[in-house]
């Protein structure tokens, strides 16, 4: 899977975040809307009735998956949104309901929903936000460590991990740490990509990534 962007390799996470954020902010409004529509349609293959689906609310220039979450609810899935804990970095996920129970997090000023909560390991699918993603399925986040902590706590019981991003967020390689967890799938406006779940060398990992044509 060759990234369509021309971003150079970065060893500095901060520099990579800045470069990708600039590319994401520069997306024209029409191109952004069309990409989000395609991604919602492609990612719908992972949504089924009765499944517990973890998502997120976009902030700033992040990819907005509201269409995808609306489709999940329409299909009879349960939708859960992240809740930042008072202490630590292990996220809770709150079930979205029909009631108006929205509030602003007092520290991070992000919107959260006050519904019944559960941990990530009880989700079936988790659509993961990211700043950048590489050829081998490793992601670079915002730097808060919330998803890293959450997924490690889930261990082998973690849900299916699906990264969602614009094509401009794909890079050849992100800086990695020993605790980084590979995504299972990636969905962009170009299609759906599957990553190998086995332990591989860098060269081998790039050869087993395959593109899967979207279907519903």
C-alpha atoms as a PDB file:
ATOM      1  CA  UNK A   1       0.000   0.000   0.000  1.00  0.00           C
ATOM      2  CA  UNK A   2       1.809   3.101  -1.184  1.00  0.00           C
ATOM      3  CA  UNK A   3       0.712   6.324   0.507  1.00  0.00           C
ATOM      4  CA  UNK A   4      -0.595   8.896  -1.987  1.00  0.00           C
ATOM      5  CA  UNK A   5       1.065  11.724  -0.079  1.00  0.00           C
ATOM      6  CA  UNK A   6       4.543  13.055  -0.722  1.00  0.00           C
ATOM      7  CA  UNK A   7       5.414  13.578   2.943  1.00  0.00           C
ATOM      8  CA  UNK A   8       9.006  12.645   3.811  1.00  0.00           C
ATOM      9  CA  UNK A   9       9.963  10.187   6.526  1.00  0.00           C
ATOM     10  CA  UNK A  10       9.846  11.698  10.010  1.00  0.00           C
ATOM     11  CA  UNK A  11      11.674  10.593  13.150  1.00  0.00           C
ATOM     12  CA  UNK A  12      10.122  13.476  15.087  1.00  0.00           C
ATOM     13  CA  UNK A  13       6.506  12.879  16.118  1.00  0.00           C
ATOM     14  CA  UNK A  14       5.839  16.569  16.626  1.00  0.00           C
ATOM     15  CA  UNK A  15       7.097  17.455  13.139  1.00  0.00           C
ATOM     16  CA  UNK A  16       5.002  14.683  11.583  1.00  0.00           C
ATOM     17  CA  UNK A  17       1.898  15.815  13.443  1.00  0.00           C
ATOM     18  CA  UNK A  18       2.419  19.357  12.201  1.00  0.00           C
ATOM     19  CA  UNK A  19       2.945  18.270   8.594  1.00  0.00           C
ATOM     20  CA  UNK A  20      -0.113  16.014   8.490  1.00  0.00           C
ATOM     21  CA  UNK A  21      -2.285  18.553  10.282  1.00  0.00           C
ATOM     22  CA  UNK A  22      -1.358  21.175   7.672  1.00  0.00           C
ATOM     23  CA  UNK A  23      -2.288  18.763   4.887  1.00  0.00           C
ATOM     24  CA  UNK A  24      -5.574  17.916   6.577  1.00  0.00           C
ATOM     25  CA  UNK A  25      -6.505  21.541   7.213  1.00  0.00           C
ATOM     26  CA  UNK A  26      -5.719  22.364   3.568  1.00  0.00           C
ATOM     27  CA  UNK A  27      -8.366  19.956   2.242  1.00  0.00           C
ATOM     28  CA  UNK A  28     -11.048  21.911   0.330  1.00  0.00           C
ATOM     29  CA  UNK A  29     -14.501  21.719   1.909  1.00  0.00           C
ATOM     30  CA  UNK A  30     -16.018  19.871  -1.057  1.00  0.00           C
ATOM     31  CA  UNK A  31     -13.198  17.304  -1.176  1.00  0.00           C
ATOM     32  CA  UNK A  32     -13.521  16.772   2.581  1.00  0.00           C
ATOM     33  CA  UNK A  33     -17.278  16.213   2.381  1.00  0.00           C
ATOM     34  CA  UNK A  34     -16.966  13.761  -0.518  1.00  0.00           C
ATOM     35  CA  UNK A  35     -14.207  11.867   1.264  1.00  0.00           C
ATOM     36  CA  UNK A  36     -16.265  11.588   4.441  1.00  0.00           C
ATOM     37  CA  UNK A  37     -19.232  10.290   2.460  1.00  0.00           C
ATOM     38  CA  UNK A  38     -17.075   7.621   0.792  1.00  0.00           C
ATOM     39  CA  UNK A  39     -15.490   6.586   4.070  1.00  0.00           C
ATOM     40  CA  UNK A  40     -18.899   6.239   5.737  1.00  0.00           C
ATOM     41  CA  UNK A  41     -20.073   4.046   2.869  1.00  0.00           C
ATOM     42  CA  UNK A  42     -16.922   1.900   2.819  1.00  0.00           C
ATOM     43  CA  UNK A  43     -16.777   1.478   6.612  1.00  0.00           C
ATOM     44  CA  UNK A  44     -20.437   0.448   6.842  1.00  0.00           C
ATOM     45  CA  UNK A  45     -19.366  -3.132   6.067  1.00  0.00           C
ATOM     46  CA  UNK A  46     -18.138  -3.390   9.674  1.00  0.00           C
ATOM     47  CA  UNK A  47     -21.477  -2.313  11.163  1.00  0.00           C
ATOM     48  CA  UNK A  48     -24.091  -4.937  12.038  1.00  0.00           C
ATOM     49  CA  UNK A  49     -27.299  -5.080  14.072  1.00  0.00           C
ATOM     50  CA  UNK A  50     -26.694  -5.719  17.752  1.00  0.00           C
ATOM     51  CA  UNK A  51     -22.952  -5.005  17.592  1.00  0.00           C
ATOM     52  CA  UNK A  52     -21.266  -2.584  19.947  1.00  0.00           C
ATOM     53  CA  UNK A  53     -19.530   0.069  17.847  1.00  0.00           C
ATOM     54  CA  UNK A  54     -17.024   2.516  19.300  1.00  0.00           C
ATOM     55  CA  UNK A  55     -16.574   5.832  17.531  1.00  0.00           C
ATOM     56  CA  UNK A  56     -15.614   9.406  18.328  1.00  0.00           C
ATOM     57  CA  UNK A  57     -16.712  13.000  17.793  1.00  0.00           C
ATOM     58  CA  UNK A  58     -14.427  14.924  15.446  1.00  0.00           C
ATOM     59  CA  UNK A  59     -12.522  17.911  16.800  1.00  0.00           C
ATOM     60  CA  UNK A  60     -10.874  20.569  14.678  1.00  0.00           C
ATOM     61  CA  UNK A  61      -9.844  19.206  11.277  1.00  0.00           C
ATOM     62  CA  UNK A  62     -10.359  15.547  12.228  1.00  0.00           C
ATOM     63  CA  UNK A  63     -12.297  13.254   9.922  1.00  0.00           C
ATOM     64  CA  UNK A  64     -15.982  13.515  10.822  1.00  0.00           C
ATOM     65  CA  UNK A  65     -17.616  10.061  11.093  1.00  0.00           C
ATOM     66  CA  UNK A  66     -21.084  11.311  12.024  1.00  0.00           C
ATOM     67  CA  UNK A  67     -22.540   9.763   8.837  1.00  0.00           C
ATOM     68  CA  UNK A  68     -21.043   6.397   9.729  1.00  0.00           C
ATOM     69  CA  UNK A  69     -22.338   6.496  13.302  1.00  0.00           C
ATOM     70  CA  UNK A  70     -25.805   7.502  12.079  1.00  0.00           C
ATOM     71  CA  UNK A  71     -25.754   4.533   9.712  1.00  0.00           C
ATOM     72  CA  UNK A  72     -24.751   2.255  12.583  1.00  0.00           C
ATOM     73  CA  UNK A  73     -27.704   3.425  14.667  1.00  0.00           C
ATOM     74  CA  UNK A  74     -30.041   3.007  11.706  1.00  0.00           C
ATOM     75  CA  UNK A  75     -28.861  -0.598  11.298  1.00  0.00           C
ATOM     76  CA  UNK A  76     -29.595  -1.389  14.914  1.00  0.00           C
ATOM     77  CA  UNK A  77     -26.056  -1.262  16.299  1.00  0.00           C
ATOM     78  CA  UNK A  78     -25.172   0.273  19.666  1.00  0.00           C
ATOM     79  CA  UNK A  79     -22.874   3.306  19.366  1.00  0.00           C
ATOM     80  CA  UNK A  80     -20.391   4.231  22.090  1.00  0.00           C
ATOM     81  CA  UNK A  81     -18.318   7.402  22.389  1.00  0.00           C
ATOM     82  CA  UNK A  82     -15.110   7.906  24.414  1.00  0.00           C
ATOM     83  CA  UNK A  83     -15.185   9.439  27.876  1.00  0.00           C
ATOM     84  CA  UNK A  84     -11.965  10.746  29.417  1.00  0.00           C
ATOM     85  CA  UNK A  85     -11.577   9.555  33.028  1.00  0.00           C
ATOM     86  CA  UNK A  86     -11.023  11.880  35.960  1.00  0.00           C
ATOM     87  CA  UNK A  87      -7.784  10.060  36.688  1.00  0.00           C
ATOM     88  CA  UNK A  88      -5.466   8.063  34.455  1.00  0.00           C
ATOM     89  CA  UNK A  89      -5.697   7.624  30.690  1.00  0.00           C
ATOM     90  CA  UNK A  90      -7.820   4.509  30.253  1.00  0.00           C
ATOM     91  CA  UNK A  91     -10.935   5.553  28.358  1.00  0.00           C
ATOM     92  CA  UNK A  92     -14.500   4.620  29.116  1.00  0.00           C
ATOM     93  CA  UNK A  93     -17.037   4.390  26.291  1.00  0.00           C
ATOM     94  CA  UNK A  94     -20.530   5.806  26.804  1.00  0.00           C
ATOM     95  CA  UNK A  95     -23.558   4.474  24.952  1.00  0.00           C
ATOM     96  CA  UNK A  96     -25.236   7.098  22.776  1.00  0.00           C
ATOM     97  CA  UNK A  97     -28.958   7.455  23.437  1.00  0.00           C
ATOM     98  CA  UNK A  98     -31.890   9.545  22.274  1.00  0.00           C
ATOM     99  CA  UNK A  99     -31.816  11.870  25.292  1.00  0.00           C
ATOM    100  CA  UNK A 100     -29.988  15.208  25.246  1.00  0.00           C
ATOM    101  CA  UNK A 101     -27.223  14.308  27.697  1.00  0.00           C
ATOM    102  CA  UNK A 102     -24.275  16.088  26.109  1.00  0.00           C
ATOM    103  CA  UNK A 103     -21.732  18.008  28.183  1.00  0.00           C
ATOM    104  CA  UNK A 104     -18.305  19.600  27.815  1.00  0.00           C
ATOM    105  CA  UNK A 105     -15.311  18.005  29.473  1.00  0.00           C
ATOM    106  CA  UNK A 106     -14.067  20.527  32.058  1.00  0.00           C
ATOM    107  CA  UNK A 107     -10.385  20.118  31.244  1.00  0.00           C
ATOM    108  CA  UNK A 108     -10.174  19.205  27.567  1.00  0.00           C
ATOM    109  CA  UNK A 109     -13.222  21.192  26.376  1.00  0.00           C
ATOM    110  CA  UNK A 110     -14.451  18.325  24.196  1.00  0.00           C
ATOM    111  CA  UNK A 111     -18.032  17.111  23.921  1.00  0.00           C
ATOM    112  CA  UNK A 112     -18.929  13.875  25.708  1.00  0.00           C
ATOM    113  CA  UNK A 113     -22.165  11.958  26.273  1.00  0.00           C
ATOM    114  CA  UNK A 114     -23.479  10.850  29.677  1.00  0.00           C
ATOM    115  CA  UNK A 115     -24.763   7.362  28.988  1.00  0.00           C
ATOM    116  CA  UNK A 116     -24.082   3.868  30.392  1.00  0.00           C
ATOM    117  CA  UNK A 117     -20.353   3.165  30.142  1.00  0.00           C
ATOM    118  CA  UNK A 118     -18.179   0.173  29.400  1.00  0.00           C
ATOM    119  CA  UNK A 119     -14.537  -0.553  28.627  1.00  0.00           C
ATOM    120  CA  UNK A 120     -13.037  -0.993  25.169  1.00  0.00           C
ATOM    121  CA  UNK A 121     -12.757  -4.762  25.559  1.00  0.00           C
ATOM    122  CA  UNK A 122     -16.561  -5.032  25.571  1.00  0.00           C
ATOM    123  CA  UNK A 123     -16.835  -3.343  22.163  1.00  0.00           C
ATOM    124  CA  UNK A 124     -17.008  -5.401  18.978  1.00  0.00           C
ATOM    125  CA  UNK A 125     -15.544  -2.735  16.705  1.00  0.00           C
ATOM    126  CA  UNK A 126     -13.629   0.454  17.463  1.00  0.00           C
ATOM    127  CA  UNK A 127     -13.199   3.152  14.831  1.00  0.00           C
ATOM    128  CA  UNK A 128      -9.945   4.779  15.887  1.00  0.00           C
ATOM    129  CA  UNK A 129      -9.076   8.432  15.233  1.00  0.00           C
ATOM    130  CA  UNK A 130      -5.513   9.168  14.226  1.00  0.00           C
ATOM    131  CA  UNK A 131      -3.134  11.854  13.085  1.00  0.00           C
ATOM    132  CA  UNK A 132      -1.082   9.653  10.734  1.00  0.00           C
ATOM    133  CA  UNK A 133      -0.963   5.992   9.713  1.00  0.00           C
ATOM    134  CA  UNK A 134       1.771   4.075   7.934  1.00  0.00           C
ATOM    135  CA  UNK A 135       2.163   1.188   5.488  1.00  0.00           C
ATOM    136  CA  UNK A 136       2.362  -1.365   8.297  1.00  0.00           C
ATOM    137  CA  UNK A 137      -0.808  -0.310  10.104  1.00  0.00           C
ATOM    138  CA  UNK A 138       0.761   1.675  12.921  1.00  0.00           C
ATOM    139  CA  UNK A 139      -0.879   4.953  13.892  1.00  0.00           C
ATOM    140  CA  UNK A 140       0.304   8.206  15.366  1.00  0.00           C
ATOM    141  CA  UNK A 141      -2.245   9.871  17.610  1.00  0.00           C
ATOM    142  CA  UNK A 142      -2.579  13.327  19.088  1.00  0.00           C
ATOM    143  CA  UNK A 143      -0.014  12.530  21.772  1.00  0.00           C
ATOM    144  CA  UNK A 144      -2.266  12.172  24.815  1.00  0.00           C
ATOM    145  CA  UNK A 145      -1.712   8.429  25.166  1.00  0.00           C
ATOM    146  CA  UNK A 146      -5.393   7.687  25.840  1.00  0.00           C
ATOM    147  CA  UNK A 147      -5.856   5.089  23.090  1.00  0.00           C
ATOM    148  CA  UNK A 148      -2.471   3.444  23.744  1.00  0.00           C
ATOM    149  CA  UNK A 149      -3.342   3.033  27.419  1.00  0.00           C
ATOM    150  CA  UNK A 150      -6.879   1.848  26.652  1.00  0.00           C
ATOM    151  CA  UNK A 151      -5.887  -0.750  24.075  1.00  0.00           C
ATOM    152  CA  UNK A 152      -3.065  -2.159  26.189  1.00  0.00           C
ATOM    153  CA  UNK A 153      -5.413  -2.531  29.131  1.00  0.00           C
ATOM    154  CA  UNK A 154      -7.800  -4.472  26.884  1.00  0.00           C
ATOM    155  CA  UNK A 155      -5.024  -6.883  25.933  1.00  0.00           C
ATOM    156  CA  UNK A 156      -6.139  -9.822  23.796  1.00  0.00           C
ATOM    157  CA  UNK A 157      -9.762  -8.885  24.376  1.00  0.00           C
ATOM    158  CA  UNK A 158      -9.501  -5.635  22.463  1.00  0.00           C
ATOM    159  CA  UNK A 159     -12.080  -5.048  19.712  1.00  0.00           C
ATOM    160  CA  UNK A 160     -11.499  -5.009  15.974  1.00  0.00           C
ATOM    161  CA  UNK A 161      -9.418  -1.868  15.419  1.00  0.00           C
ATOM    162  CA  UNK A 162     -10.299   0.144  12.338  1.00  0.00           C
ATOM    163  CA  UNK A 163      -8.403   3.328  11.574  1.00  0.00           C
ATOM    164  CA  UNK A 164     -10.321   5.998   9.679  1.00  0.00           C
ATOM    165  CA  UNK A 165      -8.465   8.785   7.911  1.00  0.00           C
ATOM    166  CA  UNK A 166      -8.108  10.927   4.828  1.00  0.00           C
ATOM    167  CA  UNK A 167      -5.586   9.757   2.243  1.00  0.00           C
ATOM    168  CA  UNK A 168      -3.415  12.763   3.098  1.00  0.00           C
ATOM    169  CA  UNK A 169      -2.808  11.224   6.534  1.00  0.00           C
ATOM    170  CA  UNK A 170      -1.086   8.137   5.119  1.00  0.00           C
ATOM    171  CA  UNK A 171       2.702   8.106   5.336  1.00  0.00           C
ATOM    172  CA  UNK A 172       5.390   5.522   4.666  1.00  0.00           C
ATOM    173  CA  UNK A 173       6.311   5.100   8.332  1.00  0.00           C
ATOM    174  CA  UNK A 174       5.442   6.687  11.650  1.00  0.00           C
ATOM    175  CA  UNK A 175       7.857   6.828  14.598  1.00  0.00           C
ATOM    176  CA  UNK A 176       7.148   3.778  16.749  1.00  0.00           C
ATOM    177  CA  UNK A 177       7.360   2.730  20.354  1.00  0.00           C
ATOM    178  CA  UNK A 178       7.563  -0.800  21.754  1.00  0.00           C
ATOM    179  CA  UNK A 179       3.985  -0.569  23.041  1.00  0.00           C
ATOM    180  CA  UNK A 180       2.364   0.522  19.764  1.00  0.00           C
ATOM    181  CA  UNK A 181      -0.492  -1.688  18.551  1.00  0.00           C
ATOM    182  CA  UNK A 182      -1.145  -2.338  14.885  1.00  0.00           C
ATOM    183  CA  UNK A 183      -4.546  -1.535  13.419  1.00  0.00           C
ATOM    184  CA  UNK A 184      -6.522  -4.397  11.885  1.00  0.00           C
ATOM    185  CA  UNK A 185      -7.991  -2.297   9.068  1.00  0.00           C
ATOM    186  CA  UNK A 186      -7.777   1.167   7.579  1.00  0.00           C
ATOM    187  CA  UNK A 187     -10.558   2.995   5.734  1.00  0.00           C
ATOM    188  CA  UNK A 188      -9.873   6.074   3.600  1.00  0.00           C
ATOM    189  CA  UNK A 189     -11.647   7.653   0.656  1.00  0.00           C
ATOM    190  CA  UNK A 190      -9.581   5.327  -1.590  1.00  0.00           C
ATOM    191  CA  UNK A 191     -10.907   2.099  -0.109  1.00  0.00           C
ATOM    192  CA  UNK A 192     -10.558  -0.461   2.659  1.00  0.00           C
ATOM    193  CA  UNK A 193      -7.149  -1.882   3.590  1.00  0.00           C
ATOM    194  CA  UNK A 194      -6.362  -4.884   5.742  1.00  0.00           C
ATOM    195  CA  UNK A 195      -3.164  -5.333   7.770  1.00  0.00           C
ATOM    196  CA  UNK A 196      -1.591  -8.624   8.746  1.00  0.00           C
ATOM    197  CA  UNK A 197      -2.184  -9.654  12.343  1.00  0.00           C
ATOM    198  CA  UNK A 198       0.993 -11.733  12.603  1.00  0.00           C
ATOM    199  CA  UNK A 199       4.340 -10.555  13.932  1.00  0.00           C
ATOM    200  CA  UNK A 200       6.414  -9.546  10.941  1.00  0.00           C
ATOM    201  CA  UNK A 201       9.598  -7.777   9.975  1.00  0.00           C
ATOM    202  CA  UNK A 202       9.147  -4.367   8.343  1.00  0.00           C
ATOM    203  CA  UNK A 203       9.845  -5.703   4.850  1.00  0.00           C
ATOM    204  CA  UNK A 204       7.444  -8.621   5.262  1.00  0.00           C
ATOM    205  CA  UNK A 205       4.705  -6.444   6.738  1.00  0.00           C
ATOM    206  CA  UNK A 206       4.618  -4.235   3.688  1.00  0.00           C
ATOM    207  CA  UNK A 207       4.162  -7.206   1.370  1.00  0.00           C
ATOM    208  CA  UNK A 208       1.102  -8.642   3.124  1.00  0.00           C
ATOM    209  CA  UNK A 209      -0.949  -5.453   3.207  1.00  0.00           C
ATOM    210  CA  UNK A 210      -3.754  -5.833   0.711  1.00  0.00           C
ATOM    211  CA  UNK A 211      -6.491  -3.617  -0.588  1.00  0.00           C
ATOM    212  CA  UNK A 212     -10.034  -4.900  -0.278  1.00  0.00           C
ATOM    213  CA  UNK A 213     -12.648  -3.402  -2.551  1.00  0.00           C
ATOM    214  CA  UNK A 214     -15.454  -1.923  -0.498  1.00  0.00           C
ATOM    215  CA  UNK A 215     -18.805  -3.645  -0.337  1.00  0.00           C
ATOM    216  CA  UNK A 216     -21.864  -3.532   1.905  1.00  0.00           C
END
